[in-house]
Protein backbone atom coordinates (compact mmCIF):
# COMPACT_ATOMS: atom_id res chain seq x y z
CA MET A 1 49.59 -28.50 -4.11
CA LYS A 2 47.27 -31.52 -3.47
CA THR A 3 48.23 -34.85 -5.04
CA CYS A 4 45.28 -37.34 -5.49
CA PRO A 5 45.73 -40.31 -3.37
CA ARG A 6 44.05 -42.63 -6.36
CA CYS A 7 45.12 -41.40 -9.94
CA HIS A 8 47.86 -39.14 -8.12
CA GLU A 9 46.87 -36.12 -10.18
CA THR A 10 47.77 -32.62 -8.75
CA SER A 11 45.45 -29.96 -7.95
CA GLU A 12 45.99 -26.60 -6.17
CA ASP A 13 45.20 -26.61 -2.71
CA GLN A 14 41.98 -24.73 -2.87
CA PHE A 15 40.42 -27.56 -4.28
CA ASP A 16 38.77 -30.85 -2.07
CA THR A 17 38.58 -33.17 -4.44
CA CYS A 18 40.30 -34.49 -7.74
CA TRP A 19 39.11 -33.09 -10.94
CA ARG A 20 40.17 -36.08 -12.80
CA CYS A 21 38.27 -39.17 -10.89
CA SER A 22 36.36 -37.02 -7.62
CA THR A 23 38.00 -38.87 -5.18
CA PRO A 24 38.56 -36.39 -1.89
CA LEU A 25 41.96 -34.70 -1.58
CA PRO A 26 43.85 -34.74 1.46
CA ASP A 27 44.43 -31.74 3.84
CA ASP A 28 47.37 -29.09 2.88
CA GLY A 29 49.73 -32.24 2.07
CA ALA A 30 48.72 -34.54 4.96
CA PRO A 31 48.85 -38.01 3.64
CA ALA A 32 46.05 -39.71 2.64
CA PRO A 33 44.54 -42.25 4.93
CA GLY A 34 46.57 -44.93 4.59
CA GLU A 35 49.44 -43.68 2.49
CA PRO A 36 52.47 -43.21 4.08
CA ALA A 37 53.90 -39.80 5.39
CA SER A 38 56.97 -40.09 2.95
CA LEU A 39 54.90 -41.09 -0.25
CA ALA A 40 52.72 -37.41 0.20
CA ALA A 41 56.05 -35.28 0.50
CA THR A 42 57.58 -36.84 -2.71
CA ALA A 43 54.11 -38.04 -4.89
CA HIS A 44 54.34 -34.39 -6.65
CA ARG A 45 57.81 -34.76 -7.91
CA GLN A 46 56.87 -38.59 -9.55
CA SER A 47 55.60 -38.98 -12.21
CA PRO A 48 52.18 -40.12 -12.80
CA PRO A 49 50.96 -43.61 -13.19
CA SER A 50 49.14 -44.47 -16.47
CA PRO A 51 44.88 -43.72 -16.03
CA ARG A 52 43.21 -46.75 -14.79
CA ARG A 53 39.91 -45.45 -15.83
CA LYS A 54 38.60 -43.94 -19.14
CA VAL A 55 35.65 -41.83 -20.24
CA ASP A 56 32.84 -43.47 -21.84
CA PHE A 57 29.31 -42.82 -22.97
CA LYS A 58 26.17 -44.13 -23.87
CA ILE A 59 23.69 -42.51 -26.43
CA PHE A 60 19.83 -42.26 -26.38
CA ARG A 61 18.52 -41.64 -29.59
CA GLY A 62 15.11 -41.67 -31.25
CA THR A 63 13.33 -40.05 -34.23
CA PHE A 64 10.03 -40.75 -32.93
CA THR A 65 10.69 -40.86 -29.77
CA THR A 66 10.00 -37.93 -27.11
CA TRP A 67 11.83 -35.95 -24.99
CA ASN A 68 10.16 -37.12 -21.86
CA ILE A 69 11.18 -40.89 -23.04
CA LEU A 70 14.81 -40.07 -23.84
CA CYS A 71 15.70 -38.10 -21.14
CA ALA A 72 13.91 -40.69 -18.40
CA GLU A 73 16.07 -43.54 -20.20
CA ALA A 74 19.13 -41.59 -20.04
CA ALA A 75 18.42 -40.73 -16.13
CA GLU A 76 17.72 -44.51 -15.46
CA PHE A 77 20.60 -45.36 -16.80
CA ALA A 78 22.76 -42.77 -15.05
CA SER A 79 21.37 -43.31 -11.74
CA THR A 80 23.21 -46.89 -12.36
CA LEU A 81 26.43 -44.97 -12.37
CA GLY A 82 26.60 -43.00 -9.41
CA PRO A 83 27.93 -39.69 -8.74
CA ARG A 84 31.73 -40.46 -8.58
CA ASP A 85 31.49 -41.98 -12.33
CA LEU A 86 28.50 -39.95 -13.92
CA ILE A 87 30.48 -37.03 -15.38
CA ASN A 88 28.06 -34.83 -17.83
CA ILE A 89 24.41 -35.64 -19.61
CA SER A 90 24.55 -33.80 -23.23
CA HIS A 91 21.48 -33.40 -25.61
CA SER A 92 20.94 -32.01 -29.35
CA GLU A 93 18.56 -32.26 -31.35
CA ASP A 94 18.47 -31.89 -35.01
CA GLU A 95 15.64 -31.91 -37.41
CA GLU A 96 12.91 -33.96 -35.25
CA ASP A 97 16.52 -36.67 -34.23
CA GLY A 98 16.82 -36.02 -30.27
CA VAL A 99 19.59 -37.08 -29.16
CA VAL A 100 20.97 -37.52 -25.22
CA VAL A 101 24.75 -38.40 -24.67
CA VAL A 102 25.50 -39.93 -20.87
CA TRP A 103 29.72 -39.42 -20.21
CA TYR A 104 30.79 -41.15 -17.17
CA TRP A 105 34.02 -43.00 -16.19
CA THR A 106 34.86 -46.67 -16.16
CA ASP A 107 37.75 -48.63 -15.51
CA VAL A 108 40.29 -49.58 -18.02
CA ASP A 109 40.34 -53.68 -18.57
């Protein structure tokens, strides 16, 4: 098991990136840069701290807006987030009412 140096979540050894916060994971039990070796060895036995990040979203909706405009607005917003914060972009349509939702990580205040 590997422990994330940022959020302390554990991941299987085959993964290179933390599933929770997208932080690169240290190689096979090696301490993360700046992490003491003793901490790396005991991190999996400690209870993880409370999350410092939360999932947030922004909705782009428009009955009279084209899909191109909705998607362009969502893409413009998502481009400001950066790859580490963007989780997903989803869309839905019901009786001509289009919705695009951008899901992303944000810091807890």
